[in-house]
């Protein structure tokens, strides 16, 4: 392919990339949480099937039907004092093979005092040669509450799929009262199947999850350890500095979902959003 032809192909590819952004603001009034701002751009939409029923539930919908290389998505959330919000997705998000560029997802949230955010999207499924870069930046007031759960599945094991190559990076930054309380950079690149097979990384598991709880303490750790025999995969949890962090690893997405339900129940948290069951 000549240089001009390659440039035209690149321009066509870039022009067809999906873009989506949702901006939300919610406030607590008269014992309920109400939206004060809802903005939608591009192919990302949000629906509120249980709005104004105590804790609002926001369901994110990607009308692009998946994520491909070069796509850009973002979510911005502001929760006022005492506001409560649960965020989920209408379906598992599929990240398809990329011809080169990374797809990106950026999540930003700000929680005022006594605000509560429950983040429980369905699984992110990465296909072979997918490329995804995700960032999470959350600012918590001193008395805000956060449960942030993310699960990633490398290939659909029920379909016999293997993610041999790809790229995934996940950058989390959580601040409480303007102080950094949690920072993590996860990166897996190149021969993903081989790396996941290493004992020190995933020991062959292809479904991974992280659950961050703020505030979290030794009581949360003890509660999870009490139900350890009911987990089907591997689950570990620890607490320090006012936060609790759980890691999950399983052979497939169904096993990981089972363990996530058990974990949330042990923590005294609500069950999975109802839309997960449809």
C-alpha atoms as a PDB file:
ATOM      1  CA  UNK A   1       0.000   0.000   0.000  1.00  0.00           C
ATOM      2  CA  UNK A   2       1.379   3.394  -1.000  1.00  0.00           C
ATOM      3  CA  UNK A   3       1.801   6.179   1.561  1.00  0.00           C
ATOM      4  CA  UNK A   4      -1.191   8.194   0.217  1.00  0.00           C
ATOM      5  CA  UNK A   5      -3.393   5.085   0.241  1.00  0.00           C
ATOM      6  CA  UNK A   6      -2.308   4.268   3.791  1.00  0.00           C
ATOM      7  CA  UNK A   7      -3.085   7.827   4.889  1.00  0.00           C
ATOM      8  CA  UNK A   8      -6.560   7.644   3.342  1.00  0.00           C
ATOM      9  CA  UNK A   9      -7.222   4.283   5.012  1.00  0.00           C
ATOM     10  CA  UNK A  10      -6.129   5.711   8.346  1.00  0.00           C
ATOM     11  CA  UNK A  11      -8.371   8.758   7.904  1.00  0.00           C
ATOM     12  CA  UNK A  12     -11.385   6.581   7.039  1.00  0.00           C
ATOM     13  CA  UNK A  13     -10.715   4.334  10.018  1.00  0.00           C
ATOM     14  CA  UNK A  14     -10.376   7.320  12.385  1.00  0.00           C
ATOM     15  CA  UNK A  15     -13.553   8.896  11.051  1.00  0.00           C
ATOM     16  CA  UNK A  16     -15.554   5.778  11.849  1.00  0.00           C
ATOM     17  CA  UNK A  17     -14.444   5.393  15.457  1.00  0.00           C
ATOM     18  CA  UNK A  18     -17.119   5.538  18.127  1.00  0.00           C
ATOM     19  CA  UNK A  19     -17.179   8.384  20.641  1.00  0.00           C
ATOM     20  CA  UNK A  20     -19.376   8.531  23.717  1.00  0.00           C
ATOM     21  CA  UNK A  21     -19.586  10.548  26.900  1.00  0.00           C
ATOM     22  CA  UNK A  22     -22.101  10.749  29.745  1.00  0.00           C
ATOM     23  CA  UNK A  23     -22.109  13.444  32.426  1.00  0.00           C
ATOM     24  CA  UNK A  24     -24.291  13.054  35.532  1.00  0.00           C
ATOM     25  CA  UNK A  25     -24.982  15.097  38.637  1.00  0.00           C
ATOM     26  CA  UNK A  26     -27.296  13.971  41.428  1.00  0.00           C
ATOM     27  CA  UNK A  27     -28.490  15.591  44.635  1.00  0.00           C
ATOM     28  CA  UNK A  28     -30.305  14.312  47.728  1.00  0.00           C
ATOM     29  CA  UNK A  29     -33.635  16.015  48.352  1.00  0.00           C
ATOM     30  CA  UNK A  30     -36.485  14.961  50.666  1.00  0.00           C
ATOM     31  CA  UNK A  31     -34.920  11.591  51.357  1.00  0.00           C
ATOM     32  CA  UNK A  32     -34.445  10.624  47.708  1.00  0.00           C
ATOM     33  CA  UNK A  33     -31.745  11.103  45.105  1.00  0.00           C
ATOM     34  CA  UNK A  34     -32.656  13.158  42.053  1.00  0.00           C
ATOM     35  CA  UNK A  35     -30.766  14.022  38.915  1.00  0.00           C
ATOM     36  CA  UNK A  36     -29.750  17.615  38.444  1.00  0.00           C
ATOM     37  CA  UNK A  37     -27.738  17.085  35.237  1.00  0.00           C
ATOM     38  CA  UNK A  38     -27.803  14.438  32.534  1.00  0.00           C
ATOM     39  CA  UNK A  39     -25.801  14.907  29.357  1.00  0.00           C
ATOM     40  CA  UNK A  40     -25.236  12.324  26.662  1.00  0.00           C
ATOM     41  CA  UNK A  41     -22.906  12.590  23.688  1.00  0.00           C
ATOM     42  CA  UNK A  42     -22.158  10.157  20.901  1.00  0.00           C
ATOM     43  CA  UNK A  43     -22.934   6.470  21.287  1.00  0.00           C
ATOM     44  CA  UNK A  44     -23.001   6.312  25.098  1.00  0.00           C
ATOM     45  CA  UNK A  45     -26.417   6.571  26.763  1.00  0.00           C
ATOM     46  CA  UNK A  46     -27.739   6.269  30.309  1.00  0.00           C
ATOM     47  CA  UNK A  47     -31.117   5.068  31.557  1.00  0.00           C
ATOM     48  CA  UNK A  48     -32.661   5.170  35.056  1.00  0.00           C
ATOM     49  CA  UNK A  49     -35.061   2.212  35.407  1.00  0.00           C
ATOM     50  CA  UNK A  50     -35.450   2.780  39.161  1.00  0.00           C
ATOM     51  CA  UNK A  51     -34.966   6.514  39.368  1.00  0.00           C
ATOM     52  CA  UNK A  52     -36.216   8.341  42.469  1.00  0.00           C
ATOM     53  CA  UNK A  53     -36.570   5.125  44.500  1.00  0.00           C
ATOM     54  CA  UNK A  54     -34.007   5.878  47.198  1.00  0.00           C
ATOM     55  CA  UNK A  55     -30.694   5.037  45.555  1.00  0.00           C
ATOM     56  CA  UNK A  56     -30.935   5.824  41.845  1.00  0.00           C
ATOM     57  CA  UNK A  57     -29.723   3.136  39.444  1.00  0.00           C
ATOM     58  CA  UNK A  58     -27.987   4.305  36.271  1.00  0.00           C
ATOM     59  CA  UNK A  59     -27.667   1.806  33.422  1.00  0.00           C
ATOM     60  CA  UNK A  60     -25.055   2.649  30.797  1.00  0.00           C
ATOM     61  CA  UNK A  61     -25.841   1.637  27.219  1.00  0.00           C
ATOM     62  CA  UNK A  62     -23.247   1.588  24.441  1.00  0.00           C
ATOM     63  CA  UNK A  63     -25.261   1.904  21.241  1.00  0.00           C
ATOM     64  CA  UNK A  64     -22.120   1.223  19.185  1.00  0.00           C
ATOM     65  CA  UNK A  65     -22.578  -2.446  20.078  1.00  0.00           C
ATOM     66  CA  UNK A  66     -19.079  -2.936  21.456  1.00  0.00           C
ATOM     67  CA  UNK A  67     -15.684  -1.264  21.563  1.00  0.00           C
ATOM     68  CA  UNK A  68     -13.095  -1.352  18.790  1.00  0.00           C
ATOM     69  CA  UNK A  69      -9.598   0.064  18.462  1.00  0.00           C
ATOM     70  CA  UNK A  70      -9.595   3.859  18.501  1.00  0.00           C
ATOM     71  CA  UNK A  71     -12.984   4.217  20.231  1.00  0.00           C
ATOM     72  CA  UNK A  72     -13.211   6.749  23.077  1.00  0.00           C
ATOM     73  CA  UNK A  73     -15.689   6.636  25.963  1.00  0.00           C
ATOM     74  CA  UNK A  74     -15.981   8.688  29.126  1.00  0.00           C
ATOM     75  CA  UNK A  75     -18.191   9.039  32.186  1.00  0.00           C
ATOM     76  CA  UNK A  76     -18.293  11.972  34.603  1.00  0.00           C
ATOM     77  CA  UNK A  77     -20.284  11.746  37.874  1.00  0.00           C
ATOM     78  CA  UNK A  78     -20.974  14.340  40.573  1.00  0.00           C
ATOM     79  CA  UNK A  79     -22.816  13.199  43.706  1.00  0.00           C
ATOM     80  CA  UNK A  80     -23.987  15.891  46.085  1.00  0.00           C
ATOM     81  CA  UNK A  81     -24.129  15.534  49.860  1.00  0.00           C
ATOM     82  CA  UNK A  82     -26.138  12.422  50.796  1.00  0.00           C
ATOM     83  CA  UNK A  83     -26.816  11.393  47.187  1.00  0.00           C
ATOM     84  CA  UNK A  84     -26.727   7.668  46.378  1.00  0.00           C
ATOM     85  CA  UNK A  85     -26.137   6.109  42.988  1.00  0.00           C
ATOM     86  CA  UNK A  86     -25.657   2.571  41.650  1.00  0.00           C
ATOM     87  CA  UNK A  87     -24.051   2.311  38.210  1.00  0.00           C
ATOM     88  CA  UNK A  88     -24.208  -0.750  35.984  1.00  0.00           C
ATOM     89  CA  UNK A  89     -24.305  -1.623  32.283  1.00  0.00           C
ATOM     90  CA  UNK A  90     -27.022  -3.054  30.078  1.00  0.00           C
ATOM     91  CA  UNK A  91     -24.751  -5.894  28.953  1.00  0.00           C
ATOM     92  CA  UNK A  92     -21.211  -7.161  29.181  1.00  0.00           C
ATOM     93  CA  UNK A  93     -18.957  -4.788  27.259  1.00  0.00           C
ATOM     94  CA  UNK A  94     -17.109  -6.505  24.420  1.00  0.00           C
ATOM     95  CA  UNK A  95     -13.758  -5.143  23.296  1.00  0.00           C
ATOM     96  CA  UNK A  96     -12.959  -6.346  19.792  1.00  0.00           C
ATOM     97  CA  UNK A  97      -9.721  -6.886  17.880  1.00  0.00           C
ATOM     98  CA  UNK A  98      -7.866  -3.706  17.064  1.00  0.00           C
ATOM     99  CA  UNK A  99      -5.918  -2.960  13.902  1.00  0.00           C
ATOM    100  CA  UNK A 100      -3.512  -0.885  15.973  1.00  0.00           C
ATOM    101  CA  UNK A 101      -4.958   1.963  18.084  1.00  0.00           C
ATOM    102  CA  UNK A 102      -6.020   1.558  21.699  1.00  0.00           C
ATOM    103  CA  UNK A 103      -9.622   1.998  22.760  1.00  0.00           C
ATOM    104  CA  UNK A 104     -10.057   4.094  25.887  1.00  0.00           C
ATOM    105  CA  UNK A 105     -12.521   4.356  28.774  1.00  0.00           C
ATOM    106  CA  UNK A 106     -12.172   7.187  31.298  1.00  0.00           C
ATOM    107  CA  UNK A 107     -14.229   7.292  34.515  1.00  0.00           C
ATOM    108  CA  UNK A 108     -14.233  10.372  36.753  1.00  0.00           C
ATOM    109  CA  UNK A 109     -16.365  10.744  39.906  1.00  0.00           C
ATOM    110  CA  UNK A 110     -16.643  13.255  42.727  1.00  0.00           C
ATOM    111  CA  UNK A 111     -18.535  12.371  45.906  1.00  0.00           C
ATOM    112  CA  UNK A 112     -19.538  14.932  48.527  1.00  0.00           C
ATOM    113  CA  UNK A 113     -19.997  14.083  52.219  1.00  0.00           C
ATOM    114  CA  UNK A 114     -22.360  11.154  52.944  1.00  0.00           C
ATOM    115  CA  UNK A 115     -22.662  10.414  49.203  1.00  0.00           C
ATOM    116  CA  UNK A 116     -22.503   6.764  48.141  1.00  0.00           C
ATOM    117  CA  UNK A 117     -21.457   5.256  44.826  1.00  0.00           C
ATOM    118  CA  UNK A 118     -21.935   1.577  44.009  1.00  0.00           C
ATOM    119  CA  UNK A 119     -20.104   0.747  40.780  1.00  0.00           C
ATOM    120  CA  UNK A 120     -21.108  -2.657  39.404  1.00  0.00           C
ATOM    121  CA  UNK A 121     -20.895  -2.894  35.611  1.00  0.00           C
ATOM    122  CA  UNK A 122     -21.199  -6.262  33.932  1.00  0.00           C
ATOM    123  CA  UNK A 123     -18.037  -7.954  32.721  1.00  0.00           C
ATOM    124  CA  UNK A 124     -15.625  -6.412  30.244  1.00  0.00           C
ATOM    125  CA  UNK A 125     -14.820  -9.141  27.707  1.00  0.00           C
ATOM    126  CA  UNK A 126     -11.605  -8.778  25.736  1.00  0.00           C
ATOM    127  CA  UNK A 127     -11.290 -10.587  22.427  1.00  0.00           C
ATOM    128  CA  UNK A 128      -8.037 -11.740  20.857  1.00  0.00           C
ATOM    129  CA  UNK A 129      -5.834  -8.775  19.854  1.00  0.00           C
ATOM    130  CA  UNK A 130      -8.059  -6.289  21.661  1.00  0.00           C
ATOM    131  CA  UNK A 131      -6.388  -3.126  22.954  1.00  0.00           C
ATOM    132  CA  UNK A 132      -7.931  -1.202  25.847  1.00  0.00           C
ATOM    133  CA  UNK A 133      -6.661   1.569  28.134  1.00  0.00           C
ATOM    134  CA  UNK A 134      -8.886   2.475  31.077  1.00  0.00           C
ATOM    135  CA  UNK A 135      -8.495   5.157  33.751  1.00  0.00           C
ATOM    136  CA  UNK A 136     -10.467   5.660  36.971  1.00  0.00           C
ATOM    137  CA  UNK A 137     -10.193   8.859  39.027  1.00  0.00           C
ATOM    138  CA  UNK A 138     -12.455   9.253  42.068  1.00  0.00           C
ATOM    139  CA  UNK A 139     -12.445  12.027  44.662  1.00  0.00           C
ATOM    140  CA  UNK A 140     -14.186  11.255  47.969  1.00  0.00           C
ATOM    141  CA  UNK A 141     -15.198  13.658  50.698  1.00  0.00           C
ATOM    142  CA  UNK A 142     -14.282  12.480  54.244  1.00  0.00           C
ATOM    143  CA  UNK A 143     -17.652  10.759  54.874  1.00  0.00           C
ATOM    144  CA  UNK A 144     -18.393   9.512  51.343  1.00  0.00           C
ATOM    145  CA  UNK A 145     -18.826   5.761  50.685  1.00  0.00           C
ATOM    146  CA  UNK A 146     -17.570   3.796  47.697  1.00  0.00           C
ATOM    147  CA  UNK A 147     -17.867   0.233  46.428  1.00  0.00           C
ATOM    148  CA  UNK A 148     -16.108  -0.047  43.093  1.00  0.00           C
ATOM    149  CA  UNK A 149     -16.083  -3.432  41.349  1.00  0.00           C
ATOM    150  CA  UNK A 150     -14.625  -4.282  37.946  1.00  0.00           C
ATOM    151  CA  UNK A 151     -14.428  -7.697  36.297  1.00  0.00           C
ATOM    152  CA  UNK A 152     -12.489  -8.572  33.150  1.00  0.00           C
ATOM    153  CA  UNK A 153     -12.776 -11.768  31.115  1.00  0.00           C
ATOM    154  CA  UNK A 154     -10.141 -12.638  28.533  1.00  0.00           C
ATOM    155  CA  UNK A 155     -12.125 -14.416  25.808  1.00  0.00           C
ATOM    156  CA  UNK A 156     -15.375 -16.342  26.016  1.00  0.00           C
ATOM    157  CA  UNK A 157     -14.337 -19.736  27.328  1.00  0.00           C
ATOM    158  CA  UNK A 158     -17.767 -21.231  26.546  1.00  0.00           C
ATOM    159  CA  UNK A 159     -17.085 -20.431  22.876  1.00  0.00           C
ATOM    160  CA  UNK A 160     -13.603 -21.909  22.997  1.00  0.00           C
ATOM    161  CA  UNK A 161     -11.971 -18.509  22.559  1.00  0.00           C
ATOM    162  CA  UNK A 162      -8.428 -17.729  23.690  1.00  0.00           C
ATOM    163  CA  UNK A 163      -6.868 -14.300  23.911  1.00  0.00           C
ATOM    164  CA  UNK A 164      -3.425 -15.102  22.582  1.00  0.00           C
ATOM    165  CA  UNK A 165      -2.303 -11.515  22.033  1.00  0.00           C
ATOM    166  CA  UNK A 166      -3.544  -8.136  23.162  1.00  0.00           C
ATOM    167  CA  UNK A 167      -3.105  -5.143  25.417  1.00  0.00           C
ATOM    168  CA  UNK A 168      -4.938  -4.020  28.538  1.00  0.00           C
ATOM    169  CA  UNK A 169      -4.001  -1.327  31.009  1.00  0.00           C
ATOM    170  CA  UNK A 170      -6.048  -0.164  33.987  1.00  0.00           C
ATOM    171  CA  UNK A 171      -5.058   2.906  36.020  1.00  0.00           C
ATOM    172  CA  UNK A 172      -6.947   3.648  39.273  1.00  0.00           C
ATOM    173  CA  UNK A 173      -6.511   6.699  41.505  1.00  0.00           C
ATOM    174  CA  UNK A 174      -8.758   7.147  44.573  1.00  0.00           C
ATOM    175  CA  UNK A 175      -8.493  10.236  46.768  1.00  0.00           C
ATOM    176  CA  UNK A 176     -10.182  10.842  50.106  1.00  0.00           C
ATOM    177  CA  UNK A 177     -10.288  14.375  51.483  1.00  0.00           C
ATOM    178  CA  UNK A 178      -7.820  15.264  48.677  1.00  0.00           C
ATOM    179  CA  UNK A 179      -5.299  12.669  49.849  1.00  0.00           C
ATOM    180  CA  UNK A 180      -4.324   9.751  47.641  1.00  0.00           C
ATOM    181  CA  UNK A 181      -5.483   6.565  49.421  1.00  0.00           C
ATOM    182  CA  UNK A 182      -5.296   4.042  46.581  1.00  0.00           C
ATOM    183  CA  UNK A 183      -3.255   3.932  43.385  1.00  0.00           C
ATOM    184  CA  UNK A 184      -2.821   1.033  41.022  1.00  0.00           C
ATOM    185  CA  UNK A 185      -1.512   0.465  37.532  1.00  0.00           C
ATOM    186  CA  UNK A 186      -2.346  -2.872  35.910  1.00  0.00           C
ATOM    187  CA  UNK A 187      -0.827  -3.742  32.553  1.00  0.00           C
ATOM    188  CA  UNK A 188      -0.751  -6.904  30.512  1.00  0.00           C
ATOM    189  CA  UNK A 189       0.671  -6.805  27.013  1.00  0.00           C
ATOM    190  CA  UNK A 190       1.761  -9.117  24.247  1.00  0.00           C
ATOM    191  CA  UNK A 191       1.263 -12.881  24.780  1.00  0.00           C
ATOM    192  CA  UNK A 192      -1.670 -12.588  27.178  1.00  0.00           C
ATOM    193  CA  UNK A 193      -2.616 -16.282  27.293  1.00  0.00           C
ATOM    194  CA  UNK A 194       0.930 -17.233  28.187  1.00  0.00           C
ATOM    195  CA  UNK A 195       1.182 -14.538  30.851  1.00  0.00           C
ATOM    196  CA  UNK A 196      -2.138 -15.473  32.455  1.00  0.00           C
ATOM    197  CA  UNK A 197      -0.906 -19.045  32.631  1.00  0.00           C
ATOM    198  CA  UNK A 198       2.017 -18.040  34.849  1.00  0.00           C
ATOM    199  CA  UNK A 199       1.563 -18.961  38.505  1.00  0.00           C
ATOM    200  CA  UNK A 200       2.605 -15.535  39.742  1.00  0.00           C
ATOM    201  CA  UNK A 201       0.047 -13.772  37.525  1.00  0.00           C
ATOM    202  CA  UNK A 202      -3.209 -15.728  37.214  1.00  0.00           C
ATOM    203  CA  UNK A 203      -2.313 -19.433  37.315  1.00  0.00           C
ATOM    204  CA  UNK A 204      -4.422 -20.064  34.227  1.00  0.00           C
ATOM    205  CA  UNK A 205      -7.459 -18.028  35.268  1.00  0.00           C
ATOM    206  CA  UNK A 206      -8.974 -15.918  32.489  1.00  0.00           C
ATOM    207  CA  UNK A 207     -11.597 -14.059  34.564  1.00  0.00           C
ATOM    208  CA  UNK A 208     -10.277 -11.463  37.005  1.00  0.00           C
ATOM    209  CA  UNK A 209     -12.019  -9.071  39.356  1.00  0.00           C
ATOM    210  CA  UNK A 210     -11.196  -6.259  41.769  1.00  0.00           C
ATOM    211  CA  UNK A 211     -13.512  -4.870  44.456  1.00  0.00           C
ATOM    212  CA  UNK A 212     -12.523  -1.725  46.343  1.00  0.00           C
ATOM    213  CA  UNK A 213     -14.493  -0.725  49.466  1.00  0.00           C
ATOM    214  CA  UNK A 214     -14.165   2.664  51.171  1.00  0.00           C
ATOM    215  CA  UNK A 215     -14.421   2.711  54.111  1.00  0.00           C
ATOM    216  CA  UNK A 216     -13.224  -0.826  54.720  1.00  0.00           C
ATOM    217  CA  UNK A 217     -11.721  -2.532  57.753  1.00  0.00           C
ATOM    218  CA  UNK A 218     -10.777  -5.851  59.318  1.00  0.00           C
ATOM    219  CA  UNK A 219     -14.453  -6.654  59.898  1.00  0.00           C
ATOM    220  CA  UNK A 220     -14.967  -6.776  56.126  1.00  0.00           C
ATOM    221  CA  UNK A 221     -11.959  -9.079  55.788  1.00  0.00           C
ATOM    222  CA  UNK A 222     -13.299 -11.416  58.477  1.00  0.00           C
ATOM    223  CA  UNK A 223     -16.768 -11.519  56.895  1.00  0.00           C
ATOM    224  CA  UNK A 224     -15.355 -12.574  53.519  1.00  0.00           C
ATOM    225  CA  UNK A 225     -13.043 -15.152  55.004  1.00  0.00           C
ATOM    226  CA  UNK A 226     -15.967 -16.752  56.827  1.00  0.00           C
ATOM    227  CA  UNK A 227     -17.517 -17.722  53.471  1.00  0.00           C
ATOM    228  CA  UNK A 228     -14.242 -18.716  51.803  1.00  0.00           C
ATOM    229  CA  UNK A 229     -15.339 -22.330  51.340  1.00  0.00           C
ATOM    230  CA  UNK A 230     -18.216 -21.263  49.067  1.00  0.00           C
ATOM    231  CA  UNK A 231     -15.982 -19.587  46.479  1.00  0.00           C
ATOM    232  CA  UNK A 232     -15.468 -21.519  43.257  1.00  0.00           C
ATOM    233  CA  UNK A 233     -12.365 -19.629  42.188  1.00  0.00           C
ATOM    234  CA  UNK A 234      -9.703 -17.833  44.183  1.00  0.00           C
ATOM    235  CA  UNK A 235     -10.627 -14.824  46.323  1.00  0.00           C
ATOM    236  CA  UNK A 236      -8.401 -12.796  48.609  1.00  0.00           C
ATOM    237  CA  UNK A 237      -9.113  -9.676  50.649  1.00  0.00           C
ATOM    238  CA  UNK A 238      -7.114  -7.327  52.849  1.00  0.00           C
ATOM    239  CA  UNK A 239      -7.671  -3.997  54.607  1.00  0.00           C
ATOM    240  CA  UNK A 240      -5.414  -1.099  55.470  1.00  0.00           C
ATOM    241  CA  UNK A 241      -5.670   2.650  55.972  1.00  0.00           C
ATOM    242  CA  UNK A 242      -9.467   2.677  56.002  1.00  0.00           C
ATOM    243  CA  UNK A 243      -9.998   0.742  52.751  1.00  0.00           C
ATOM    244  CA  UNK A 244     -10.593  -2.912  51.884  1.00  0.00           C
ATOM    245  CA  UNK A 245      -9.528  -4.522  48.625  1.00  0.00           C
ATOM    246  CA  UNK A 246     -10.610  -7.896  47.253  1.00  0.00           C
ATOM    247  CA  UNK A 247      -9.141  -9.775  44.295  1.00  0.00           C
ATOM    248  CA  UNK A 248     -10.955 -12.508  42.405  1.00  0.00           C
ATOM    249  CA  UNK A 249      -9.664 -15.008  39.848  1.00  0.00           C
ATOM    250  CA  UNK A 250     -11.686 -17.737  38.156  1.00  0.00           C
ATOM    251  CA  UNK A 251     -11.654 -20.111  35.216  1.00  0.00           C
ATOM    252  CA  UNK A 252     -14.534 -18.350  33.442  1.00  0.00           C
ATOM    253  CA  UNK A 253     -16.990 -15.470  33.696  1.00  0.00           C
ATOM    254  CA  UNK A 254     -19.814 -17.526  35.220  1.00  0.00           C
ATOM    255  CA  UNK A 255     -17.598 -18.705  38.061  1.00  0.00           C
ATOM    256  CA  UNK A 256     -16.362 -15.167  38.635  1.00  0.00           C
ATOM    257  CA  UNK A 257     -19.908 -13.818  38.782  1.00  0.00           C
ATOM    258  CA  UNK A 258     -20.853 -16.461  41.362  1.00  0.00           C
ATOM    259  CA  UNK A 259     -17.927 -15.478  43.549  1.00  0.00           C
ATOM    260  CA  UNK A 260     -18.715 -11.782  43.184  1.00  0.00           C
ATOM    261  CA  UNK A 261     -22.265 -12.396  44.422  1.00  0.00           C
ATOM    262  CA  UNK A 262     -20.949 -14.320  47.443  1.00  0.00           C
ATOM    263  CA  UNK A 263     -18.421 -11.575  48.167  1.00  0.00           C
ATOM    264  CA  UNK A 264     -20.978  -8.768  48.008  1.00  0.00           C
ATOM    265  CA  UNK A 265     -23.354 -10.699  50.242  1.00  0.00           C
ATOM    266  CA  UNK A 266     -20.610 -11.241  52.811  1.00  0.00           C
ATOM    267  CA  UNK A 267     -19.897  -7.516  52.785  1.00  0.00           C
ATOM    268  CA  UNK A 268     -23.587  -6.802  53.449  1.00  0.00           C
ATOM    269  CA  UNK A 269     -23.956  -5.083  50.114  1.00  0.00           C
ATOM    270  CA  UNK A 270     -26.923  -5.258  47.733  1.00  0.00           C
ATOM    271  CA  UNK A 271     -27.164  -8.125  45.282  1.00  0.00           C
ATOM    272  CA  UNK A 272     -26.211  -7.611  41.659  1.00  0.00           C
ATOM    273  CA  UNK A 273     -28.408  -5.140  39.748  1.00  0.00           C
ATOM    274  CA  UNK A 274     -31.519  -6.808  38.355  1.00  0.00           C
ATOM    275  CA  UNK A 275     -30.511  -6.073  34.776  1.00  0.00           C
ATOM    276  CA  UNK A 276     -27.626  -8.578  35.186  1.00  0.00           C
ATOM    277  CA  UNK A 277     -30.250 -11.329  35.336  1.00  0.00           C
ATOM    278  CA  UNK A 278     -31.995 -10.474  32.057  1.00  0.00           C
END
